[in-house]
PDB file of N, CA and C in Angstrom:
ATOM      1  N   UNK A   1      49.370  -1.337  26.224  1.00  0.00           N
ATOM      2  CA  UNK A   1      48.104  -0.656  26.436  1.00  0.00           C
ATOM      3  C   UNK A   1      46.957  -1.630  26.153  1.00  0.00           C
ATOM      4  N   UNK A   2      46.033  -1.748  27.082  1.00  0.00           N
ATOM      5  CA  UNK A   2      44.903  -2.663  26.927  1.00  0.00           C
ATOM      6  C   UNK A   2      43.811  -2.022  26.086  1.00  0.00           C
ATOM      7  N   UNK A   3      43.151  -2.818  25.229  1.00  0.00           N
ATOM      8  CA  UNK A   3      42.046  -2.260  24.440  1.00  0.00           C
ATOM      9  C   UNK A   3      40.861  -1.941  25.351  1.00  0.00           C
ATOM     10  N   UNK A   4      40.147  -0.903  25.006  1.00  0.00           N
ATOM     11  CA  UNK A   4      38.978  -0.498  25.785  1.00  0.00           C
ATOM     12  C   UNK A   4      37.752  -1.181  25.202  1.00  0.00           C
ATOM     13  N   UNK A   5      37.038  -1.912  26.045  1.00  0.00           N
ATOM     14  CA  UNK A   5      35.811  -2.595  25.630  1.00  0.00           C
ATOM     15  C   UNK A   5      34.640  -1.780  26.153  1.00  0.00           C
ATOM     16  N   UNK A   6      33.702  -1.419  25.290  1.00  0.00           N
ATOM     17  CA  UNK A   6      32.557  -0.625  25.743  1.00  0.00           C
ATOM     18  C   UNK A   6      31.801  -1.335  26.866  1.00  0.00           C
ATOM     19  N   UNK A   7      31.359  -0.557  27.853  1.00  0.00           N
ATOM     20  CA  UNK A   7      30.649  -1.093  29.008  1.00  0.00           C
ATOM     21  C   UNK A   7      29.382  -1.834  28.598  1.00  0.00           C
ATOM     22  N   UNK A   8      28.614  -1.266  27.662  1.00  0.00           N
ATOM     23  CA  UNK A   8      27.358  -1.906  27.261  1.00  0.00           C
ATOM     24  C   UNK A   8      27.613  -3.271  26.641  1.00  0.00           C
ATOM     25  N   UNK A   9      28.721  -3.405  25.909  1.00  0.00           N
ATOM     26  CA  UNK A   9      29.048  -4.698  25.328  1.00  0.00           C
ATOM     27  C   UNK A   9      29.301  -5.716  26.427  1.00  0.00           C
ATOM     28  N   UNK A  10      30.034  -5.319  27.464  1.00  0.00           N
ATOM     29  CA  UNK A  10      30.337  -6.226  28.571  1.00  0.00           C
ATOM     30  C   UNK A  10      29.077  -6.653  29.305  1.00  0.00           C
ATOM     31  N   UNK A  11      28.190  -5.703  29.569  1.00  0.00           N
ATOM     32  CA  UNK A  11      26.948  -6.016  30.276  1.00  0.00           C
ATOM     33  C   UNK A  11      26.083  -6.933  29.427  1.00  0.00           C
ATOM     34  N   UNK A  12      25.974  -6.662  28.135  1.00  0.00           N
ATOM     35  CA  UNK A  12      25.175  -7.497  27.244  1.00  0.00           C
ATOM     36  C   UNK A  12      25.733  -8.915  27.183  1.00  0.00           C
ATOM     37  N   UNK A  13      27.044  -9.033  27.041  1.00  0.00           N
ATOM     38  CA  UNK A  13      27.667 -10.355  26.982  1.00  0.00           C
ATOM     39  C   UNK A  13      27.449 -11.113  28.281  1.00  0.00           C
ATOM     40  N   UNK A  14      27.570 -10.439  29.415  1.00  0.00           N
ATOM     41  CA  UNK A  14      27.368 -11.079  30.714  1.00  0.00           C
ATOM     42  C   UNK A  14      25.921 -11.518  30.882  1.00  0.00           C
ATOM     43  N   UNK A  15      25.002 -10.693  30.461  1.00  0.00           N
ATOM     44  CA  UNK A  15      23.581 -11.039  30.565  1.00  0.00           C
ATOM     45  C   UNK A  15      23.267 -12.287  29.757  1.00  0.00           C
ATOM     46  N   UNK A  16      23.767 -12.356  28.536  1.00  0.00           N
ATOM     47  CA  UNK A  16      23.522 -13.531  27.702  1.00  0.00           C
ATOM     48  C   UNK A  16      24.191 -14.770  28.282  1.00  0.00           C
ATOM     49  N   UNK A  17      25.358 -14.604  28.849  1.00  0.00           N
ATOM     50  CA  UNK A  17      26.069 -15.749  29.419  1.00  0.00           C
ATOM     51  C   UNK A  17      25.350 -16.293  30.643  1.00  0.00           C
ATOM     52  N   UNK A  18      24.701 -15.410  31.416  1.00  0.00           N
ATOM     53  CA  UNK A  18      24.033 -15.839  32.643  1.00  0.00           C
ATOM     54  C   UNK A  18      22.592 -16.302  32.419  1.00  0.00           C
ATOM     55  N   UNK A  19      22.032 -16.041  31.243  1.00  0.00           N
ATOM     56  CA  UNK A  19      20.661 -16.470  30.961  1.00  0.00           C
ATOM     57  C   UNK A  19      20.619 -17.980  30.822  1.00  0.00           C
ATOM     58  N   UNK A  20      19.842 -18.594  31.671  1.00  0.00           N
ATOM     59  CA  UNK A  20      19.764 -20.052  31.618  1.00  0.00           C
ATOM     60  C   UNK A  20      18.771 -20.470  30.542  1.00  0.00           C
ATOM     61  N   UNK A  21      18.922 -21.681  30.016  1.00  0.00           N
ATOM     62  CA  UNK A  21      17.955 -22.172  29.038  1.00  0.00           C
ATOM     63  C   UNK A  21      16.533 -22.207  29.599  1.00  0.00           C
ATOM     64  N   UNK A  22      16.401 -22.474  30.901  1.00  0.00           N
ATOM     65  CA  UNK A  22      15.062 -22.512  31.509  1.00  0.00           C
ATOM     66  C   UNK A  22      14.417 -21.128  31.476  1.00  0.00           C
ATOM     67  N   UNK A  23      15.198 -20.092  31.761  1.00  0.00           N
ATOM     68  CA  UNK A  23      14.681 -18.724  31.730  1.00  0.00           C
ATOM     69  C   UNK A  23      14.261 -18.340  30.323  1.00  0.00           C
ATOM     70  N   UNK A  24      15.068 -18.683  29.340  1.00  0.00           N
ATOM     71  CA  UNK A  24      14.750 -18.353  27.954  1.00  0.00           C
ATOM     72  C   UNK A  24      13.507 -19.113  27.495  1.00  0.00           C
ATOM     73  N   UNK A  25      13.368 -20.362  27.891  1.00  0.00           N
ATOM     74  CA  UNK A  25      12.174 -21.141  27.527  1.00  0.00           C
ATOM     75  C   UNK A  25      10.938 -20.560  28.183  1.00  0.00           C
ATOM     76  N   UNK A  26      11.072 -20.121  29.427  1.00  0.00           N
ATOM     77  CA  UNK A  26       9.941 -19.523  30.135  1.00  0.00           C
ATOM     78  C   UNK A  26       9.507 -18.237  29.450  1.00  0.00           C
ATOM     79  N   UNK A  27      10.469 -17.431  28.993  1.00  0.00           N
ATOM     80  CA  UNK A  27      10.145 -16.184  28.310  1.00  0.00           C
ATOM     81  C   UNK A  27       9.416 -16.478  27.003  1.00  0.00           C
ATOM     82  N   UNK A  28       9.879 -17.446  26.226  1.00  0.00           N
ATOM     83  CA  UNK A  28       9.212 -17.790  24.968  1.00  0.00           C
ATOM     84  C   UNK A  28       7.803 -18.315  25.227  1.00  0.00           C
ATOM     85  N   UNK A  29       7.639 -19.096  26.289  1.00  0.00           N
ATOM     86  CA  UNK A  29       6.332 -19.644  26.617  1.00  0.00           C
ATOM     87  C   UNK A  29       5.366 -18.520  26.986  1.00  0.00           C
ATOM     88  N   UNK A  30       5.845 -17.514  27.735  1.00  0.00           N
ATOM     89  CA  UNK A  30       4.973 -16.423  28.138  1.00  0.00           C
ATOM     90  C   UNK A  30       4.663 -15.468  26.991  1.00  0.00           C
ATOM     91  N   UNK A  31       5.433 -15.505  25.906  1.00  0.00           N
ATOM     92  CA  UNK A  31       5.168 -14.645  24.756  1.00  0.00           C
ATOM     93  C   UNK A  31       3.806 -14.930  24.128  1.00  0.00           C
ATOM     94  N   UNK A  32       3.264 -16.096  24.365  1.00  0.00           N
ATOM     95  CA  UNK A  32       1.962 -16.467  23.803  1.00  0.00           C
ATOM     96  C   UNK A  32       0.864 -15.589  24.383  1.00  0.00           C
ATOM     97  N   UNK A  33       1.039 -15.089  25.597  1.00  0.00           N
ATOM     98  CA  UNK A  33       0.013 -14.275  26.238  1.00  0.00           C
ATOM     99  C   UNK A  33       0.174 -12.786  25.949  1.00  0.00           C
ATOM    100  N   UNK A  34       1.243 -12.412  25.273  1.00  0.00           N
ATOM    101  CA  UNK A  34       1.554 -10.996  25.019  1.00  0.00           C
ATOM    102  C   UNK A  34       0.966 -10.560  23.684  1.00  0.00           C
ATOM    103  N   UNK A  35       0.456  -9.336  23.659  1.00  0.00           N
ATOM    104  CA  UNK A  35       0.001  -8.721  22.411  1.00  0.00           C
ATOM    105  C   UNK A  35       0.721  -7.397  22.233  1.00  0.00           C
ATOM    106  N   UNK A  36       1.033  -7.063  20.991  1.00  0.00           N
ATOM    107  CA  UNK A  36       1.748  -5.837  20.677  1.00  0.00           C
ATOM    108  C   UNK A  36       0.904  -4.976  19.755  1.00  0.00           C
ATOM    109  N   UNK A  37       0.844  -3.695  20.073  1.00  0.00           N
ATOM    110  CA  UNK A  37       0.077  -2.723  19.295  1.00  0.00           C
ATOM    111  C   UNK A  37       1.020  -2.016  18.325  1.00  0.00           C
ATOM    112  N   UNK A  38       0.626  -1.972  17.056  1.00  0.00           N
ATOM    113  CA  UNK A  38       1.409  -1.325  16.004  1.00  0.00           C
ATOM    114  C   UNK A  38       0.549  -0.286  15.298  1.00  0.00           C
ATOM    115  N   UNK A  39       1.215   0.578  14.553  1.00  0.00           N
ATOM    116  CA  UNK A  39       0.504   1.528  13.682  1.00  0.00           C
ATOM    117  C   UNK A  39       1.298   1.698  12.406  1.00  0.00           C
ATOM    118  N   UNK A  40       0.596   2.146  11.380  1.00  0.00           N
ATOM    119  CA  UNK A  40       1.309   2.509  10.162  1.00  0.00           C
ATOM    120  C   UNK A  40       1.596   4.001  10.233  1.00  0.00           C
ATOM    121  N   UNK A  41       2.139   4.555   9.177  1.00  0.00           N
ATOM    122  CA  UNK A  41       2.498   5.965   9.173  1.00  0.00           C
ATOM    123  C   UNK A  41       2.156   6.565   7.814  1.00  0.00           C
ATOM    124  N   UNK A  42       1.720   7.815   7.806  1.00  0.00           N
ATOM    125  CA  UNK A  42       1.457   8.464   6.514  1.00  0.00           C
ATOM    126  C   UNK A  42       2.685   8.443   5.606  1.00  0.00           C
ATOM    127  N   UNK A  43       3.870   8.518   6.185  1.00  0.00           N
ATOM    128  CA  UNK A  43       5.093   8.478   5.395  1.00  0.00           C
ATOM    129  C   UNK A  43       5.190   7.145   4.642  1.00  0.00           C
ATOM    130  N   UNK A  44       4.802   6.068   5.297  1.00  0.00           N
ATOM    131  CA  UNK A  44       4.865   4.755   4.654  1.00  0.00           C
ATOM    132  C   UNK A  44       3.807   4.628   3.567  1.00  0.00           C
ATOM    133  N   UNK A  45       2.675   5.305   3.748  1.00  0.00           N
ATOM    134  CA  UNK A  45       1.611   5.247   2.751  1.00  0.00           C
ATOM    135  C   UNK A  45       2.002   5.991   1.482  1.00  0.00           C
ATOM    136  N   UNK A  46       2.781   7.055   1.615  1.00  0.00           N
ATOM    137  CA  UNK A  46       3.167   7.865   0.460  1.00  0.00           C
ATOM    138  C   UNK A  46       4.306   7.235  -0.322  1.00  0.00           C
ATOM    139  N   UNK A  47       5.110   6.421   0.336  1.00  0.00           N
ATOM    140  CA  UNK A  47       6.224   5.753  -0.341  1.00  0.00           C
ATOM    141  C   UNK A  47       5.916   4.263  -0.409  1.00  0.00           C
ATOM    142  N   UNK A  48       5.601   3.797  -1.576  1.00  0.00           N
ATOM    143  CA  UNK A  48       5.188   2.401  -1.738  1.00  0.00           C
ATOM    144  C   UNK A  48       6.349   1.417  -1.611  1.00  0.00           C
ATOM    145  N   UNK A  49       7.580   1.926  -1.619  1.00  0.00           N
ATOM    146  CA  UNK A  49       8.723   1.029  -1.473  1.00  0.00           C
ATOM    147  C   UNK A  49       9.014   0.702  -0.005  1.00  0.00           C
ATOM    148  N   UNK A  50       8.271   1.332   0.914  1.00  0.00           N
ATOM    149  CA  UNK A  50       8.466   1.073   2.343  1.00  0.00           C
ATOM    150  C   UNK A  50       7.237   0.341   2.872  1.00  0.00           C
ATOM    151  N   UNK A  51       7.442  -0.787   3.474  1.00  0.00           N
ATOM    152  CA  UNK A  51       6.341  -1.480   4.137  1.00  0.00           C
ATOM    153  C   UNK A  51       6.798  -1.778   5.556  1.00  0.00           C
ATOM    154  N   UNK A  52       6.509  -0.859   6.431  1.00  0.00           N
ATOM    155  CA  UNK A  52       6.915  -0.999   7.814  1.00  0.00           C
ATOM    156  C   UNK A  52       5.770  -0.651   8.728  1.00  0.00           C
ATOM    157  N   UNK A  53       5.922  -1.072   9.966  1.00  0.00           N
ATOM    158  CA  UNK A  53       4.974  -0.689  10.991  1.00  0.00           C
ATOM    159  C   UNK A  53       5.761  -0.072  12.144  1.00  0.00           C
ATOM    160  N   UNK A  54       5.068   0.705  12.939  1.00  0.00           N
ATOM    161  CA  UNK A  54       5.686   1.401  14.056  1.00  0.00           C
ATOM    162  C   UNK A  54       5.179   0.771  15.344  1.00  0.00           C
ATOM    163  N   UNK A  55       6.111   0.419  16.217  1.00  0.00           N
ATOM    164  CA  UNK A  55       5.759  -0.144  17.523  1.00  0.00           C
ATOM    165  C   UNK A  55       5.120   0.938  18.378  1.00  0.00           C
ATOM    166  N   UNK A  56       4.002   0.596  19.047  1.00  0.00           N
ATOM    167  CA  UNK A  56       3.323   1.543  19.918  1.00  0.00           C
ATOM    168  C   UNK A  56       3.387   1.072  21.371  1.00  0.00           C
ATOM    169  N   UNK A  57       2.946  -0.154  21.646  1.00  0.00           N
ATOM    170  CA  UNK A  57       2.885  -0.626  23.034  1.00  0.00           C
ATOM    171  C   UNK A  57       2.822  -2.142  23.084  1.00  0.00           C
ATOM    172  N   UNK A  58       3.198  -2.672  24.243  1.00  0.00           N
ATOM    173  CA  UNK A  58       3.062  -4.108  24.503  1.00  0.00           C
ATOM    174  C   UNK A  58       2.063  -4.299  25.625  1.00  0.00           C
ATOM    175  N   UNK A  59       1.240  -5.293  25.489  1.00  0.00           N
ATOM    176  CA  UNK A  59       0.269  -5.651  26.513  1.00  0.00           C
ATOM    177  C   UNK A  59       0.691  -7.010  27.052  1.00  0.00           C
ATOM    178  N   UNK A  60       1.312  -6.989  28.233  1.00  0.00           N
ATOM    179  CA  UNK A  60       1.861  -8.224  28.793  1.00  0.00           C
ATOM    180  C   UNK A  60       1.540  -8.380  30.274  1.00  0.00           C
ATOM    181  N   UNK A  61       0.317  -8.034  30.634  1.00  0.00           N
ATOM    182  CA  UNK A  61      -0.113  -8.167  32.026  1.00  0.00           C
ATOM    183  C   UNK A  61      -0.159  -9.637  32.421  1.00  0.00           C
ATOM    184  N   UNK A  62      -0.037  -9.885  33.699  1.00  0.00           N
ATOM    185  CA  UNK A  62      -0.054 -11.254  34.218  1.00  0.00           C
ATOM    186  C   UNK A  62      -1.451 -11.859  34.200  1.00  0.00           C
ATOM    187  N   UNK A  63      -2.451 -11.096  33.773  1.00  0.00           N
ATOM    188  CA  UNK A  63      -3.838 -11.577  33.768  1.00  0.00           C
ATOM    189  C   UNK A  63      -4.157 -12.508  32.608  1.00  0.00           C
ATOM    190  N   UNK A  64      -3.230 -12.729  31.716  1.00  0.00           N
ATOM    191  CA  UNK A  64      -3.414 -13.730  30.680  1.00  0.00           C
ATOM    192  C   UNK A  64      -3.646 -13.196  29.288  1.00  0.00           C
ATOM    193  N   UNK A  65      -3.709 -14.161  28.365  1.00  0.00           N
ATOM    194  CA  UNK A  65      -3.804 -13.872  26.930  1.00  0.00           C
ATOM    195  C   UNK A  65      -5.074 -13.110  26.571  1.00  0.00           C
ATOM    196  N   UNK A  66      -6.217 -13.544  27.066  1.00  0.00           N
ATOM    197  CA  UNK A  66      -7.485 -12.899  26.713  1.00  0.00           C
ATOM    198  C   UNK A  66      -7.519 -11.449  27.195  1.00  0.00           C
ATOM    199  N   UNK A  67      -7.052 -11.201  28.402  1.00  0.00           N
ATOM    200  CA  UNK A  67      -7.005  -9.853  28.963  1.00  0.00           C
ATOM    201  C   UNK A  67      -6.122  -8.948  28.109  1.00  0.00           C
ATOM    202  N   UNK A  68      -4.949  -9.427  27.770  1.00  0.00           N
ATOM    203  CA  UNK A  68      -4.020  -8.629  26.964  1.00  0.00           C
ATOM    204  C   UNK A  68      -4.560  -8.376  25.565  1.00  0.00           C
ATOM    205  N   UNK A  69      -5.152  -9.396  24.950  1.00  0.00           N
ATOM    206  CA  UNK A  69      -5.717  -9.245  23.604  1.00  0.00           C
ATOM    207  C   UNK A  69      -6.844  -8.223  23.602  1.00  0.00           C
ATOM    208  N   UNK A  70      -7.767  -8.348  24.555  1.00  0.00           N
ATOM    209  CA  UNK A  70      -8.907  -7.431  24.604  1.00  0.00           C
ATOM    210  C   UNK A  70      -8.463  -5.987  24.807  1.00  0.00           C
ATOM    211  N   UNK A  71      -7.516  -5.771  25.699  1.00  0.00           N
ATOM    212  CA  UNK A  71      -7.039  -4.409  25.945  1.00  0.00           C
ATOM    213  C   UNK A  71      -6.308  -3.844  24.740  1.00  0.00           C
ATOM    214  N   UNK A  72      -5.555  -4.663  24.053  1.00  0.00           N
ATOM    215  CA  UNK A  72      -4.863  -4.207  22.852  1.00  0.00           C
ATOM    216  C   UNK A  72      -5.863  -3.829  21.765  1.00  0.00           C
ATOM    217  N   UNK A  73      -6.868  -4.664  21.569  1.00  0.00           N
ATOM    218  CA  UNK A  73      -7.883  -4.404  20.539  1.00  0.00           C
ATOM    219  C   UNK A  73      -8.669  -3.134  20.851  1.00  0.00           C
ATOM    220  N   UNK A  74      -9.025  -2.938  22.105  1.00  0.00           N
ATOM    221  CA  UNK A  74      -9.752  -1.723  22.489  1.00  0.00           C
ATOM    222  C   UNK A  74      -8.887  -0.489  22.236  1.00  0.00           C
ATOM    223  N   UNK A  75      -7.623  -0.556  22.611  1.00  0.00           N
ATOM    224  CA  UNK A  75      -6.716   0.574  22.375  1.00  0.00           C
ATOM    225  C   UNK A  75      -6.589   0.858  20.877  1.00  0.00           C
ATOM    226  N   UNK A  76      -6.451  -0.182  20.076  1.00  0.00           N
ATOM    227  CA  UNK A  76      -6.333   0.001  18.626  1.00  0.00           C
ATOM    228  C   UNK A  76      -7.591   0.653  18.048  1.00  0.00           C
ATOM    229  N   UNK A  77      -8.750   0.198  18.487  1.00  0.00           N
ATOM    230  CA  UNK A  77     -10.004   0.769  17.994  1.00  0.00           C
ATOM    231  C   UNK A  77     -10.133   2.237  18.382  1.00  0.00           C
ATOM    232  N   UNK A  78      -9.855   2.550  19.647  1.00  0.00           N
ATOM    233  CA  UNK A  78      -9.980   3.931  20.108  1.00  0.00           C
ATOM    234  C   UNK A  78      -8.998   4.851  19.386  1.00  0.00           C
ATOM    235  N   UNK A  79      -7.772   4.411  19.226  1.00  0.00           N
ATOM    236  CA  UNK A  79      -6.770   5.247  18.564  1.00  0.00           C
ATOM    237  C   UNK A  79      -7.063   5.420  17.075  1.00  0.00           C
ATOM    238  N   UNK A  80      -7.654   4.417  16.442  1.00  0.00           N
ATOM    239  CA  UNK A  80      -7.996   4.518  15.026  1.00  0.00           C
ATOM    240  C   UNK A  80      -9.219   5.407  14.825  1.00  0.00           C
ATOM    241  N   UNK A  81     -10.244   5.217  15.648  1.00  0.00           N
ATOM    242  CA  UNK A  81     -11.507   5.933  15.474  1.00  0.00           C
ATOM    243  C   UNK A  81     -11.438   7.401  15.894  1.00  0.00           C
ATOM    244  N   UNK A  82     -10.639   7.716  16.884  1.00  0.00           N
ATOM    245  CA  UNK A  82     -10.631   9.071  17.442  1.00  0.00           C
ATOM    246  C   UNK A  82      -9.365   9.831  17.072  1.00  0.00           C
ATOM    247  N   UNK A  83      -8.989   9.727  15.828  1.00  0.00           N
ATOM    248  CA  UNK A  83      -7.800  10.425  15.349  1.00  0.00           C
ATOM    249  C   UNK A  83      -8.236  11.417  14.291  1.00  0.00           C
ATOM    250  N   UNK A  84      -7.945  12.689  14.522  1.00  0.00           N
ATOM    251  CA  UNK A  84      -8.393  13.732  13.592  1.00  0.00           C
ATOM    252  C   UNK A  84      -7.276  14.217  12.672  1.00  0.00           C
ATOM    253  N   UNK A  85      -6.210  13.484  12.568  1.00  0.00           N
ATOM    254  CA  UNK A  85      -5.109  13.871  11.679  1.00  0.00           C
ATOM    255  C   UNK A  85      -5.571  13.804  10.222  1.00  0.00           C
ATOM    256  N   UNK A  86      -4.987  14.617   9.339  1.00  0.00           N
ATOM    257  CA  UNK A  86      -5.381  14.584   7.920  1.00  0.00           C
ATOM    258  C   UNK A  86      -5.182  13.201   7.294  1.00  0.00           C
ATOM    259  N   UNK A  87      -4.125  12.534   7.668  1.00  0.00           N
ATOM    260  CA  UNK A  87      -3.867  11.158   7.216  1.00  0.00           C
ATOM    261  C   UNK A  87      -3.720  10.284   8.452  1.00  0.00           C
ATOM    262  N   UNK A  88      -4.849   9.891   9.049  1.00  0.00           N
ATOM    263  CA  UNK A  88      -4.767   9.172  10.323  1.00  0.00           C
ATOM    264  C   UNK A  88      -4.113   7.804  10.163  1.00  0.00           C
ATOM    265  N   UNK A  89      -3.288   7.439  11.123  1.00  0.00           N
ATOM    266  CA  UNK A  89      -2.672   6.111  11.070  1.00  0.00           C
ATOM    267  C   UNK A  89      -3.685   5.029  11.423  1.00  0.00           C
ATOM    268  N   UNK A  90      -3.400   3.851  10.994  1.00  0.00           N
ATOM    269  CA  UNK A  90      -4.212   2.679  11.322  1.00  0.00           C
ATOM    270  C   UNK A  90      -3.476   1.911  12.418  1.00  0.00           C
ATOM    271  N   UNK A  91      -4.184   1.487  13.448  1.00  0.00           N
ATOM    272  CA  UNK A  91      -3.607   0.737  14.561  1.00  0.00           C
ATOM    273  C   UNK A  91      -4.117  -0.698  14.512  1.00  0.00           C
ATOM    274  N   UNK A  92      -3.254  -1.655  14.875  1.00  0.00           N
ATOM    275  CA  UNK A  92      -3.662  -3.055  14.931  1.00  0.00           C
ATOM    276  C   UNK A  92      -2.813  -3.812  15.941  1.00  0.00           C
ATOM    277  N   UNK A  93      -3.281  -4.989  16.315  1.00  0.00           N
ATOM    278  CA  UNK A  93      -2.601  -5.819  17.307  1.00  0.00           C
ATOM    279  C   UNK A  93      -2.093  -7.106  16.667  1.00  0.00           C
ATOM    280  N   UNK A  94      -0.963  -7.562  17.186  1.00  0.00           N
ATOM    281  CA  UNK A  94      -0.412  -8.854  16.790  1.00  0.00           C
ATOM    282  C   UNK A  94       0.001  -9.601  18.038  1.00  0.00           C
ATOM    283  N   UNK A  95      -0.189 -10.910  18.019  1.00  0.00           N
ATOM    284  CA  UNK A  95       0.203 -11.717  19.158  1.00  0.00           C
ATOM    285  C   UNK A  95       1.726 -11.844  19.201  1.00  0.00           C
ATOM    286  N   UNK A  96       2.267 -11.782  20.419  1.00  0.00           N
ATOM    287  CA  UNK A  96       3.703 -11.918  20.607  1.00  0.00           C
ATOM    288  C   UNK A  96       4.356 -10.588  20.950  1.00  0.00           C
ATOM    289  N   UNK A  97       5.607 -10.682  21.363  1.00  0.00           N
ATOM    290  CA  UNK A  97       6.382  -9.490  21.723  1.00  0.00           C
ATOM    291  C   UNK A  97       6.883  -8.789  20.457  1.00  0.00           C
ATOM    292  N   UNK A  98       7.188  -7.507  20.606  1.00  0.00           N
ATOM    293  CA  UNK A  98       7.757  -6.720  19.530  1.00  0.00           C
ATOM    294  C   UNK A  98       9.129  -7.279  19.189  1.00  0.00           C
ATOM    295  N   UNK A  99       9.348  -7.482  17.902  1.00  0.00           N
ATOM    296  CA  UNK A  99      10.639  -7.956  17.416  1.00  0.00           C
ATOM    297  C   UNK A  99      11.107  -6.988  16.327  1.00  0.00           C
ATOM    298  N   UNK A 100      12.133  -6.197  16.620  1.00  0.00           N
ATOM    299  CA  UNK A 100      12.590  -5.219  15.619  1.00  0.00           C
ATOM    300  C   UNK A 100      13.134  -5.876  14.368  1.00  0.00           C
TER     301      UNK A 100
END
């Protein structure tokens, strides 16, 4: 009897095997133009042993670093200023792609 290998494992392994070094270098190079929007959470504020942020969105348009940064900052400002929750979250931007 042959062992059953999960389909997702096979697809992931194949994807990594087919990724060329040039493609990976190109992706890392383009990460400089990407901005990621994060927020904190009231749950994290109440528990001081947790220091985490929550991923909200990535800004990775082909229009470049300045375009992505400006749009991320505007979104962060609007979401922070126009939140009527009792414990409103704080939103901020960081350069680069989201890394869990």
